[in-house]
């Protein structure tokens, strides 16, 4: 019954998921997208960074040259874009609006700078969720692993973590990702709650 109710939402919503490197936000988003009943589509970001081992083009990111990315900026093809560690990342307008036309919600797994841009443009239809590891020690451990023992990169990542954490208050919800299955259920609960609010708000306006 509730699935039918929340499917009658006023308009598609945007789910913005952010978190420091190593928080598990990407894995959490993949788990969410595998639940087809939620009717959520992912807008895949463009990036100029090199593809990493295990990644696939058009699945993890759409990998393009810096020149092509700059052309897209000039054509205003991004909802938001930013530079991170010398690489460019951008959320494409077309993919997001194609999902809206299909009445699908859009999931964005982006950093805090991108999230703030989305907040400026879609404040009334976007929900912001911040993912963190269970504690600071675990966060530092994961950051060091991702830095691949490169001290310079590790220092940059740790500084980035501090910056990202300073924007937590800009988000609507925080998920402590200590157990993946629990975190997925928490994220689903947020989605159902906000969709129901959307339906009830529409219902009240019609009376």
N, C-alpha and C. Protein backbone atom coordinates (compact mmCIF):
# COMPACT_ATOMS: atom_id res chain seq x y z
N UNK A 1 0.82 -1.21 0.00
CA UNK A 1 0.00 0.00 0.00
C UNK A 1 0.86 1.26 0.00
N UNK A 2 1.87 1.30 0.91
CA UNK A 2 2.70 2.50 1.00
C UNK A 2 3.48 2.76 -0.28
N UNK A 3 3.88 1.68 -0.97
CA UNK A 3 4.59 1.87 -2.24
C UNK A 3 3.72 2.62 -3.23
N UNK A 4 2.41 2.31 -3.24
CA UNK A 4 1.49 3.00 -4.17
C UNK A 4 1.31 4.46 -3.76
N UNK A 5 1.26 4.68 -2.46
CA UNK A 5 1.09 6.06 -1.97
C UNK A 5 2.27 6.93 -2.34
N UNK A 6 3.48 6.46 -2.02
CA UNK A 6 4.66 7.30 -2.25
C UNK A 6 5.00 7.40 -3.73
N UNK A 7 4.43 6.53 -4.57
CA UNK A 7 4.68 6.64 -6.01
C UNK A 7 3.90 7.80 -6.62
N UNK A 8 2.91 8.33 -5.88
CA UNK A 8 2.10 9.44 -6.37
C UNK A 8 2.66 10.77 -5.88
N UNK A 9 3.93 10.91 -5.91
CA UNK A 9 4.57 12.12 -5.42
C UNK A 9 4.31 13.29 -6.35
N UNK A 10 4.39 14.48 -5.80
CA UNK A 10 4.10 15.68 -6.56
C UNK A 10 5.03 15.84 -7.75
N UNK A 11 6.29 15.63 -7.53
CA UNK A 11 7.29 15.74 -8.60
C UNK A 11 8.51 14.94 -8.19
N UNK A 12 9.35 14.56 -9.15
CA UNK A 12 10.57 13.80 -8.80
C UNK A 12 11.46 14.59 -7.85
N UNK A 13 12.10 13.88 -6.97
CA UNK A 13 13.00 14.50 -6.00
C UNK A 13 14.46 14.21 -6.35
N UNK A 14 15.35 14.99 -5.78
CA UNK A 14 16.79 14.80 -5.96
C UNK A 14 17.37 14.38 -4.62
N UNK A 15 18.06 13.24 -4.61
CA UNK A 15 18.71 12.74 -3.40
C UNK A 15 20.21 12.99 -3.54
N UNK A 16 20.73 13.88 -2.72
CA UNK A 16 22.14 14.26 -2.78
C UNK A 16 22.87 13.57 -1.64
N UNK A 17 23.81 12.69 -1.99
CA UNK A 17 24.57 11.95 -0.98
C UNK A 17 26.03 12.37 -1.04
N UNK A 18 26.55 12.84 0.08
CA UNK A 18 27.95 13.27 0.16
C UNK A 18 28.62 12.62 1.36
N UNK A 19 29.91 12.78 1.44
CA UNK A 19 30.67 12.24 2.57
C UNK A 19 32.14 12.21 2.23
N UNK A 20 32.98 12.20 3.24
CA UNK A 20 34.42 12.19 2.99
C UNK A 20 34.87 10.90 2.32
N UNK A 21 36.03 10.96 1.70
CA UNK A 21 36.61 9.78 1.07
C UNK A 21 36.74 8.66 2.10
N UNK A 22 36.24 7.47 1.75
CA UNK A 22 36.30 6.35 2.67
C UNK A 22 35.07 6.19 3.53
N UNK A 23 34.07 7.05 3.35
CA UNK A 23 32.86 6.96 4.16
C UNK A 23 31.95 5.81 3.72
N UNK A 24 32.17 5.33 2.49
CA UNK A 24 31.33 4.26 1.97
C UNK A 24 30.10 4.75 1.22
N UNK A 25 30.08 6.05 0.90
CA UNK A 25 28.90 6.62 0.24
C UNK A 25 28.64 6.00 -1.13
N UNK A 26 29.70 5.69 -1.89
CA UNK A 26 29.52 5.12 -3.23
C UNK A 26 28.90 3.73 -3.15
N UNK A 27 29.39 2.90 -2.24
CA UNK A 27 28.83 1.56 -2.06
C UNK A 27 27.38 1.65 -1.60
N UNK A 28 27.09 2.59 -0.71
CA UNK A 28 25.74 2.79 -0.21
C UNK A 28 24.80 3.17 -1.35
N UNK A 29 25.24 4.05 -2.23
CA UNK A 29 24.42 4.47 -3.36
C UNK A 29 24.18 3.31 -4.33
N UNK A 30 25.18 2.49 -4.56
CA UNK A 30 25.00 1.34 -5.46
C UNK A 30 23.96 0.38 -4.91
N UNK A 31 23.99 0.14 -3.61
CA UNK A 31 23.01 -0.73 -2.98
C UNK A 31 21.60 -0.15 -3.15
N UNK A 32 21.49 1.15 -3.00
CA UNK A 32 20.20 1.81 -3.12
C UNK A 32 19.66 1.68 -4.55
N UNK A 33 20.52 1.90 -5.54
CA UNK A 33 20.09 1.84 -6.93
C UNK A 33 19.67 0.43 -7.35
N UNK A 34 20.16 -0.59 -6.66
CA UNK A 34 19.79 -1.96 -7.00
C UNK A 34 18.35 -2.28 -6.59
N UNK A 35 17.74 -1.43 -5.78
CA UNK A 35 16.36 -1.63 -5.33
C UNK A 35 15.41 -0.94 -6.31
N UNK A 36 15.02 -1.67 -7.33
CA UNK A 36 14.25 -1.11 -8.45
C UNK A 36 12.91 -0.52 -8.01
N UNK A 37 12.33 -1.05 -6.93
CA UNK A 37 11.02 -0.57 -6.49
C UNK A 37 11.05 0.90 -6.07
N UNK A 38 12.24 1.40 -5.75
CA UNK A 38 12.35 2.80 -5.33
C UNK A 38 12.26 3.78 -6.49
N UNK A 39 12.41 3.29 -7.71
CA UNK A 39 12.27 4.13 -8.91
C UNK A 39 13.22 5.34 -8.87
N UNK A 40 14.48 5.05 -8.60
CA UNK A 40 15.50 6.10 -8.54
C UNK A 40 16.54 5.83 -9.62
N UNK A 41 16.89 6.86 -10.35
CA UNK A 41 17.93 6.76 -11.36
C UNK A 41 19.15 7.57 -10.95
N UNK A 42 20.30 7.16 -11.43
CA UNK A 42 21.54 7.86 -11.08
C UNK A 42 22.01 8.72 -12.24
N UNK A 43 22.34 9.94 -11.93
CA UNK A 43 22.97 10.82 -12.91
C UNK A 43 24.48 10.64 -12.79
N UNK A 44 25.08 10.06 -13.80
CA UNK A 44 26.51 9.76 -13.76
C UNK A 44 27.32 11.02 -14.07
N UNK A 45 28.29 11.31 -13.23
CA UNK A 45 29.10 12.52 -13.39
C UNK A 45 30.16 12.35 -14.48
N UNK A 46 30.49 13.46 -15.12
CA UNK A 46 31.64 13.52 -16.02
C UNK A 46 32.88 13.86 -15.20
N UNK A 47 34.03 13.35 -15.62
CA UNK A 47 35.28 13.71 -14.94
C UNK A 47 36.45 13.67 -15.92
N UNK A 48 37.47 14.45 -15.58
CA UNK A 48 38.69 14.47 -16.40
C UNK A 48 39.79 13.62 -15.78
N UNK A 49 39.55 13.04 -14.62
CA UNK A 49 40.62 12.27 -13.98
C UNK A 49 40.80 10.94 -14.70
N UNK A 50 41.99 10.34 -14.58
CA UNK A 50 42.24 9.03 -15.22
C UNK A 50 41.35 7.95 -14.60
N UNK A 51 40.98 6.99 -15.41
CA UNK A 51 40.18 5.88 -14.92
C UNK A 51 41.04 4.99 -14.03
N UNK A 52 40.48 4.53 -12.92
CA UNK A 52 41.21 3.68 -11.98
C UNK A 52 40.92 2.21 -12.24
N UNK A 53 41.80 1.37 -11.73
CA UNK A 53 41.63 -0.07 -11.88
C UNK A 53 40.30 -0.50 -11.28
N UNK A 54 39.54 -1.28 -12.04
CA UNK A 54 38.24 -1.77 -11.57
C UNK A 54 37.08 -0.89 -11.95
N UNK A 55 37.36 0.33 -12.42
CA UNK A 55 36.29 1.24 -12.83
C UNK A 55 35.89 0.97 -14.28
N UNK A 56 34.66 1.37 -14.61
CA UNK A 56 34.18 1.23 -15.98
C UNK A 56 33.60 2.55 -16.45
N UNK A 57 33.95 2.92 -17.68
CA UNK A 57 33.41 4.14 -18.27
C UNK A 57 31.89 4.01 -18.42
N UNK A 58 31.16 5.09 -18.10
CA UNK A 58 29.70 5.14 -18.17
C UNK A 58 29.02 4.31 -17.08
N UNK A 59 29.80 3.74 -16.16
CA UNK A 59 29.21 3.10 -14.99
C UNK A 59 29.60 3.86 -13.74
N UNK A 60 30.90 4.08 -13.54
CA UNK A 60 31.38 4.81 -12.38
C UNK A 60 31.39 6.32 -12.66
N UNK A 61 31.97 6.68 -13.77
CA UNK A 61 31.98 8.06 -14.27
C UNK A 61 31.97 8.00 -15.79
N UNK A 62 31.75 9.16 -16.39
CA UNK A 62 31.97 9.31 -17.83
C UNK A 62 33.30 10.06 -17.96
N UNK A 63 34.30 9.37 -18.44
CA UNK A 63 35.66 9.92 -18.49
C UNK A 63 35.89 10.65 -19.81
N UNK A 64 36.25 11.93 -19.72
CA UNK A 64 36.50 12.74 -20.91
C UNK A 64 37.76 13.58 -20.71
N UNK A 65 38.23 14.20 -21.79
CA UNK A 65 39.42 15.05 -21.70
C UNK A 65 39.06 16.40 -21.07
N UNK A 66 40.07 17.10 -20.60
CA UNK A 66 39.85 18.41 -20.01
C UNK A 66 39.29 19.38 -21.05
N UNK A 67 39.77 19.27 -22.29
CA UNK A 67 39.30 20.15 -23.36
C UNK A 67 37.80 19.96 -23.59
N UNK A 68 37.37 18.70 -23.63
CA UNK A 68 35.95 18.42 -23.84
C UNK A 68 35.12 18.91 -22.65
N UNK A 69 35.65 18.74 -21.45
CA UNK A 69 34.94 19.20 -20.25
C UNK A 69 34.76 20.72 -20.31
N UNK A 70 35.81 21.44 -20.67
CA UNK A 70 35.72 22.91 -20.75
C UNK A 70 34.72 23.36 -21.81
N UNK A 71 34.63 22.60 -22.91
CA UNK A 71 33.61 22.93 -23.92
C UNK A 71 32.22 22.77 -23.34
N UNK A 72 32.01 21.74 -22.53
CA UNK A 72 30.70 21.53 -21.92
C UNK A 72 30.37 22.65 -20.93
N UNK A 73 31.38 23.17 -20.24
CA UNK A 73 31.15 24.31 -19.34
C UNK A 73 30.67 25.51 -20.15
N UNK A 74 31.34 25.78 -21.25
CA UNK A 74 30.97 26.93 -22.09
C UNK A 74 29.56 26.78 -22.65
N UNK A 75 29.14 25.56 -22.89
CA UNK A 75 27.80 25.29 -23.42
C UNK A 75 26.75 25.19 -22.32
N UNK A 76 27.15 25.39 -21.07
CA UNK A 76 26.26 25.32 -19.91
C UNK A 76 25.56 23.96 -19.82
N UNK A 77 26.33 22.89 -20.00
CA UNK A 77 25.77 21.54 -20.00
C UNK A 77 25.77 20.88 -18.62
N UNK A 78 26.29 21.59 -17.61
CA UNK A 78 26.34 21.00 -16.27
C UNK A 78 25.38 21.72 -15.32
N UNK A 79 24.75 20.95 -14.44
CA UNK A 79 23.99 21.54 -13.34
C UNK A 79 24.95 22.16 -12.34
N UNK A 80 26.02 21.44 -12.10
CA UNK A 80 27.10 21.93 -11.23
C UNK A 80 28.40 21.27 -11.67
N UNK A 81 29.51 21.94 -11.39
CA UNK A 81 30.81 21.35 -11.65
C UNK A 81 31.84 21.93 -10.68
N UNK A 82 32.92 21.21 -10.48
CA UNK A 82 33.94 21.68 -9.54
C UNK A 82 35.27 21.02 -9.87
N UNK A 83 36.34 21.55 -9.27
CA UNK A 83 37.67 20.98 -9.41
C UNK A 83 38.10 20.36 -8.08
N UNK A 84 38.56 19.11 -8.11
CA UNK A 84 39.01 18.40 -6.91
C UNK A 84 40.36 17.77 -7.19
N UNK A 85 41.37 18.14 -6.43
CA UNK A 85 42.73 17.61 -6.61
C UNK A 85 43.22 17.75 -8.06
N UNK A 86 42.86 18.86 -8.70
CA UNK A 86 43.32 19.13 -10.05
C UNK A 86 42.50 18.49 -11.15
N UNK A 87 41.46 17.72 -10.78
CA UNK A 87 40.58 17.09 -11.77
C UNK A 87 39.20 17.73 -11.74
N UNK A 88 38.53 17.74 -12.87
CA UNK A 88 37.21 18.36 -12.99
C UNK A 88 36.11 17.31 -12.90
N UNK A 89 35.02 17.66 -12.21
CA UNK A 89 33.86 16.78 -12.07
C UNK A 89 32.60 17.61 -12.35
N UNK A 90 31.63 17.03 -13.03
CA UNK A 90 30.41 17.78 -13.32
C UNK A 90 29.18 16.89 -13.43
N UNK A 91 28.05 17.44 -12.99
CA UNK A 91 26.76 16.74 -13.09
C UNK A 91 26.04 17.22 -14.35
N UNK A 92 25.81 16.35 -15.32
CA UNK A 92 25.21 16.77 -16.58
C UNK A 92 23.72 17.07 -16.47
N UNK A 93 23.28 18.14 -17.11
CA UNK A 93 21.87 18.50 -17.11
C UNK A 93 21.01 17.46 -17.82
N UNK A 94 21.47 17.02 -18.99
CA UNK A 94 20.63 16.15 -19.82
C UNK A 94 20.24 14.86 -19.11
N UNK A 95 21.21 14.19 -18.49
CA UNK A 95 20.90 12.92 -17.82
C UNK A 95 19.89 13.12 -16.71
N UNK A 96 20.06 14.19 -15.93
CA UNK A 96 19.15 14.45 -14.82
C UNK A 96 17.75 14.75 -15.32
N UNK A 97 17.62 15.61 -16.32
CA UNK A 97 16.30 15.98 -16.81
C UNK A 97 15.63 14.85 -17.58
N UNK A 98 16.40 13.97 -18.19
CA UNK A 98 15.83 12.78 -18.82
C UNK A 98 15.15 11.90 -17.76
N UNK A 99 15.77 11.79 -16.58
CA UNK A 99 15.19 11.01 -15.49
C UNK A 99 13.93 11.69 -14.95
N UNK A 100 13.95 13.01 -14.84
CA UNK A 100 12.77 13.74 -14.37
C UNK A 100 11.59 13.48 -15.30
N UNK A 101 11.84 13.51 -16.60
CA UNK A 101 10.76 13.30 -17.58
C UNK A 101 10.15 11.90 -17.46
N UNK A 102 10.93 10.95 -16.97
CA UNK A 102 10.43 9.59 -16.75
C UNK A 102 9.81 9.43 -15.36
N UNK A 103 9.65 10.56 -14.66
CA UNK A 103 9.11 10.59 -13.30
C UNK A 103 9.97 9.78 -12.32
N UNK A 104 11.25 9.76 -12.57
CA UNK A 104 12.18 9.09 -11.67
C UNK A 104 12.87 10.11 -10.78
N UNK A 105 13.09 9.74 -9.52
CA UNK A 105 13.95 10.54 -8.67
C UNK A 105 15.38 10.42 -9.18
N UNK A 106 16.21 11.40 -8.82
CA UNK A 106 17.60 11.41 -9.26
C UNK A 106 18.52 11.31 -8.05
N UNK A 107 19.47 10.39 -8.14
CA UNK A 107 20.46 10.22 -7.08
C UNK A 107 21.78 10.84 -7.53
N UNK A 108 22.31 11.74 -6.71
CA UNK A 108 23.60 12.37 -6.98
C UNK A 108 24.56 12.03 -5.85
N UNK A 109 25.65 11.38 -6.17
CA UNK A 109 26.71 11.09 -5.20
C UNK A 109 27.85 12.06 -5.49
N UNK A 110 27.84 13.20 -4.82
CA UNK A 110 28.76 14.29 -5.14
C UNK A 110 29.36 14.88 -3.87
N UNK A 111 30.41 15.71 -4.05
CA UNK A 111 31.07 16.29 -2.89
C UNK A 111 30.29 17.51 -2.38
N UNK A 112 30.76 18.09 -1.29
CA UNK A 112 30.01 19.16 -0.63
C UNK A 112 29.90 20.41 -1.50
N UNK A 113 30.94 20.70 -2.29
CA UNK A 113 30.86 21.89 -3.16
C UNK A 113 29.74 21.74 -4.17
N UNK A 114 29.67 20.56 -4.78
CA UNK A 114 28.60 20.30 -5.74
C UNK A 114 27.24 20.32 -5.06
N UNK A 115 27.17 19.77 -3.84
CA UNK A 115 25.91 19.74 -3.11
C UNK A 115 25.39 21.15 -2.83
N UNK A 116 26.29 22.06 -2.50
CA UNK A 116 25.87 23.44 -2.22
C UNK A 116 25.32 24.11 -3.47
N UNK A 117 25.87 23.77 -4.64
CA UNK A 117 25.34 24.31 -5.90
C UNK A 117 23.94 23.77 -6.16
N UNK A 118 23.74 22.47 -5.90
CA UNK A 118 22.41 21.88 -6.07
C UNK A 118 21.42 22.55 -5.12
N UNK A 119 21.87 22.85 -3.91
CA UNK A 119 21.00 23.49 -2.93
C UNK A 119 20.54 24.86 -3.39
N UNK A 120 21.41 25.58 -4.06
CA UNK A 120 21.04 26.90 -4.58
C UNK A 120 19.98 26.80 -5.67
N UNK A 121 20.08 25.76 -6.51
CA UNK A 121 19.22 25.66 -7.68
C UNK A 121 17.97 24.81 -7.47
N UNK A 122 18.03 23.86 -6.55
CA UNK A 122 16.91 22.93 -6.37
C UNK A 122 16.56 22.75 -4.89
N UNK A 123 16.58 23.82 -4.13
CA UNK A 123 16.40 23.72 -2.68
C UNK A 123 15.08 23.05 -2.29
N UNK A 124 14.02 23.28 -3.06
CA UNK A 124 12.70 22.78 -2.68
C UNK A 124 12.45 21.34 -3.09
N UNK A 125 13.30 20.79 -3.95
CA UNK A 125 13.06 19.42 -4.38
C UNK A 125 14.25 18.49 -4.11
N UNK A 126 15.25 18.97 -3.38
CA UNK A 126 16.43 18.16 -3.10
C UNK A 126 16.52 17.84 -1.61
N UNK A 127 16.99 16.63 -1.31
CA UNK A 127 17.20 16.18 0.06
C UNK A 127 18.68 15.85 0.20
N UNK A 128 19.31 16.34 1.27
CA UNK A 128 20.76 16.24 1.41
C UNK A 128 21.14 15.31 2.55
N UNK A 129 21.95 14.30 2.23
CA UNK A 129 22.31 13.24 3.18
C UNK A 129 23.83 13.14 3.24
N UNK A 130 24.37 13.19 4.44
CA UNK A 130 25.81 13.14 4.63
C UNK A 130 26.17 11.81 5.28
N UNK A 131 27.16 11.11 4.72
CA UNK A 131 27.57 9.79 5.21
C UNK A 131 28.94 9.90 5.87
N UNK A 132 29.05 9.32 7.06
CA UNK A 132 30.33 9.33 7.78
C UNK A 132 30.64 7.94 8.29
N UNK A 133 31.94 7.60 8.44
CA UNK A 133 32.33 6.35 9.09
C UNK A 133 31.96 6.40 10.57
N UNK A 134 32.07 5.28 11.29
CA UNK A 134 31.64 5.24 12.70
C UNK A 134 32.41 6.14 13.64
N UNK A 135 33.68 6.44 13.34
CA UNK A 135 34.45 7.31 14.23
C UNK A 135 35.63 7.91 13.46
N UNK A 136 36.30 8.88 14.10
CA UNK A 136 37.39 9.60 13.44
C UNK A 136 38.57 8.69 13.15
N UNK A 137 38.85 7.76 14.05
CA UNK A 137 39.97 6.85 13.84
C UNK A 137 39.77 6.01 12.58
N UNK A 138 38.55 5.52 12.39
CA UNK A 138 38.25 4.72 11.21
C UNK A 138 38.32 5.57 9.95
N UNK A 139 37.87 6.80 10.05
CA UNK A 139 37.93 7.72 8.91
C UNK A 139 39.37 7.95 8.48
N UNK A 140 40.26 8.20 9.44
CA UNK A 140 41.68 8.43 9.13
C UNK A 140 42.29 7.17 8.53
N UNK A 141 41.93 6.01 9.09
CA UNK A 141 42.47 4.73 8.58
C UNK A 141 42.09 4.52 7.12
N UNK A 142 40.82 4.76 6.80
CA UNK A 142 40.35 4.58 5.42
C UNK A 142 41.00 5.59 4.48
N UNK A 143 41.18 6.82 4.98
CA UNK A 143 41.80 7.86 4.16
C UNK A 143 43.24 7.48 3.82
N UNK A 144 43.97 6.95 4.80
CA UNK A 144 45.35 6.53 4.56
C UNK A 144 45.43 5.40 3.55
N UNK A 145 44.49 4.47 3.62
CA UNK A 145 44.45 3.36 2.66
C UNK A 145 44.24 3.88 1.25
N UNK A 146 43.31 4.82 1.12
CA UNK A 146 43.01 5.36 -0.20
C UNK A 146 44.16 6.19 -0.75
N UNK A 147 44.97 6.76 0.13
CA UNK A 147 46.10 7.58 -0.32
C UNK A 147 47.25 6.73 -0.86
N UNK A 148 47.14 5.40 -0.69
CA UNK A 148 48.14 4.47 -1.23
C UNK A 148 49.56 4.82 -0.78
N UNK A 149 49.68 5.19 0.50
CA UNK A 149 50.98 5.44 1.11
C UNK A 149 51.73 6.62 0.51
N UNK A 150 51.05 7.44 -0.26
CA UNK A 150 51.63 8.67 -0.78
C UNK A 150 51.36 9.76 0.27
N UNK A 151 52.40 10.20 0.96
CA UNK A 151 52.22 11.13 2.08
C UNK A 151 51.58 12.45 1.64
N UNK A 152 51.99 12.95 0.47
CA UNK A 152 51.42 14.19 -0.02
C UNK A 152 49.93 14.06 -0.28
N UNK A 153 49.56 12.96 -0.92
CA UNK A 153 48.14 12.74 -1.21
C UNK A 153 47.36 12.54 0.08
N UNK A 154 47.96 11.84 1.04
CA UNK A 154 47.28 11.61 2.30
C UNK A 154 46.98 12.93 3.01
N UNK A 155 47.96 13.84 3.02
CA UNK A 155 47.75 15.14 3.67
C UNK A 155 46.64 15.93 2.97
N UNK A 156 46.62 15.87 1.63
CA UNK A 156 45.57 16.57 0.88
C UNK A 156 44.20 16.00 1.20
N UNK A 157 44.12 14.66 1.27
CA UNK A 157 42.84 14.02 1.56
C UNK A 157 42.35 14.33 2.97
N UNK A 158 43.27 14.32 3.94
CA UNK A 158 42.89 14.63 5.31
C UNK A 158 42.41 16.08 5.44
N UNK A 159 43.07 16.98 4.72
CA UNK A 159 42.63 18.38 4.72
C UNK A 159 41.26 18.51 4.08
N UNK A 160 41.02 17.74 3.02
CA UNK A 160 39.72 17.75 2.33
C UNK A 160 38.63 17.22 3.26
N UNK A 161 38.97 16.18 4.03
CA UNK A 161 38.01 15.60 4.98
C UNK A 161 37.56 16.67 5.97
N UNK A 162 38.51 17.43 6.52
CA UNK A 162 38.17 18.48 7.49
C UNK A 162 37.25 19.53 6.87
N UNK A 163 37.53 19.88 5.62
CA UNK A 163 36.68 20.85 4.93
C UNK A 163 35.27 20.32 4.75
N UNK A 164 35.18 19.06 4.30
CA UNK A 164 33.86 18.47 4.06
C UNK A 164 33.05 18.38 5.35
N UNK A 165 33.70 17.96 6.43
CA UNK A 165 32.99 17.82 7.71
C UNK A 165 32.47 19.16 8.22
N UNK A 166 33.12 20.25 7.83
CA UNK A 166 32.67 21.56 8.29
C UNK A 166 31.35 21.98 7.66
N UNK A 167 30.89 21.25 6.63
CA UNK A 167 29.64 21.59 5.95
C UNK A 167 28.48 20.67 6.35
N UNK A 168 28.70 19.85 7.38
CA UNK A 168 27.66 18.88 7.78
C UNK A 168 26.32 19.57 8.06
N UNK A 169 26.35 20.76 8.64
CA UNK A 169 25.11 21.46 9.01
C UNK A 169 24.27 21.86 7.80
N UNK A 170 24.85 21.82 6.63
CA UNK A 170 24.09 22.14 5.42
C UNK A 170 23.21 20.97 4.97
N UNK A 171 23.37 19.82 5.60
CA UNK A 171 22.65 18.62 5.19
C UNK A 171 21.44 18.35 6.07
N UNK A 172 20.46 17.65 5.51
CA UNK A 172 19.23 17.34 6.23
C UNK A 172 19.38 16.14 7.15
N UNK A 173 20.21 15.18 6.74
CA UNK A 173 20.37 13.94 7.49
C UNK A 173 21.84 13.52 7.52
N UNK A 174 22.20 12.81 8.58
CA UNK A 174 23.52 12.20 8.69
C UNK A 174 23.35 10.71 8.91
N UNK A 175 24.06 9.90 8.13
CA UNK A 175 24.06 8.45 8.31
C UNK A 175 25.44 8.03 8.76
N UNK A 176 25.50 7.37 9.92
CA UNK A 176 26.76 6.82 10.41
C UNK A 176 26.90 5.41 9.82
N UNK A 177 27.81 5.26 8.88
CA UNK A 177 27.93 4.02 8.12
C UNK A 177 28.83 3.02 8.84
N UNK A 178 28.31 2.44 9.93
CA UNK A 178 29.08 1.44 10.67
C UNK A 178 28.78 0.02 10.18
N UNK A 179 27.53 -0.19 9.71
CA UNK A 179 27.14 -1.47 9.12
C UNK A 179 26.36 -1.17 7.85
N UNK A 180 26.81 -1.69 6.72
CA UNK A 180 26.23 -1.33 5.42
C UNK A 180 24.74 -1.63 5.35
N UNK A 181 24.33 -2.81 5.76
CA UNK A 181 22.91 -3.18 5.65
C UNK A 181 22.03 -2.23 6.46
N UNK A 182 22.50 -1.84 7.65
CA UNK A 182 21.75 -0.90 8.48
C UNK A 182 21.69 0.48 7.83
N UNK A 183 22.79 0.90 7.24
CA UNK A 183 22.85 2.21 6.59
C UNK A 183 21.92 2.26 5.38
N UNK A 184 21.84 1.16 4.63
CA UNK A 184 20.93 1.11 3.48
C UNK A 184 19.49 1.26 3.95
N UNK A 185 19.12 0.57 5.04
CA UNK A 185 17.77 0.66 5.57
C UNK A 185 17.46 2.08 6.05
N UNK A 186 18.45 2.73 6.67
CA UNK A 186 18.25 4.11 7.11
C UNK A 186 18.01 5.04 5.93
N UNK A 187 18.78 4.83 4.86
CA UNK A 187 18.62 5.65 3.66
C UNK A 187 17.25 5.42 3.04
N UNK A 188 16.81 4.17 2.97
CA UNK A 188 15.47 3.86 2.46
C UNK A 188 14.39 4.54 3.30
N UNK A 189 14.56 4.53 4.62
CA UNK A 189 13.59 5.15 5.51
C UNK A 189 13.47 6.64 5.25
N UNK A 190 14.61 7.28 5.02
CA UNK A 190 14.61 8.71 4.70
C UNK A 190 13.82 8.95 3.43
N UNK A 191 14.05 8.12 2.43
CA UNK A 191 13.38 8.28 1.14
C UNK A 191 11.86 8.14 1.29
N UNK A 192 11.41 7.11 1.98
CA UNK A 192 9.97 6.91 2.16
C UNK A 192 9.35 8.05 2.96
N UNK A 193 10.06 8.52 3.98
CA UNK A 193 9.53 9.60 4.81
C UNK A 193 9.37 10.88 4.00
N UNK A 194 10.39 11.26 3.25
CA UNK A 194 10.32 12.51 2.47
C UNK A 194 9.31 12.41 1.34
N UNK A 195 9.17 11.23 0.74
CA UNK A 195 8.16 11.07 -0.31
C UNK A 195 6.76 11.21 0.26
N UNK A 196 6.54 10.65 1.43
CA UNK A 196 5.24 10.75 2.06
C UNK A 196 4.92 12.20 2.42
N UNK A 197 5.91 12.94 2.90
CA UNK A 197 5.72 14.36 3.17
C UNK A 197 5.33 15.10 1.90
N UNK A 198 5.94 14.71 0.80
CA UNK A 198 5.66 15.32 -0.50
C UNK A 198 4.22 15.08 -0.90
N UNK A 199 3.76 13.84 -0.72
CA UNK A 199 2.38 13.48 -1.07
C UNK A 199 1.39 14.22 -0.18
N UNK A 200 1.65 14.25 1.15
CA UNK A 200 0.74 14.91 2.08
C UNK A 200 0.67 16.41 1.82
N UNK A 201 1.80 17.01 1.47
CA UNK A 201 1.84 18.43 1.16
C UNK A 201 0.96 18.73 -0.05
N UNK A 202 1.05 17.88 -1.07
CA UNK A 202 0.23 18.04 -2.28
C UNK A 202 -1.24 17.86 -1.94
N UNK A 203 -1.54 16.85 -1.09
CA UNK A 203 -2.91 16.57 -0.71
C UNK A 203 -3.54 17.77 -0.01
N UNK A 204 -2.81 18.39 0.91
CA UNK A 204 -3.33 19.54 1.66
C UNK A 204 -3.62 20.71 0.74
N UNK A 205 -2.76 20.92 -0.25
CA UNK A 205 -2.93 22.06 -1.16
C UNK A 205 -4.16 21.89 -2.02
N UNK A 206 -4.64 20.65 -2.20
CA UNK A 206 -5.80 20.42 -3.04
C UNK A 206 -7.11 20.59 -2.29
N UNK A 207 -7.03 20.94 -0.99
CA UNK A 207 -8.25 21.12 -0.19
C UNK A 207 -8.40 22.56 0.26
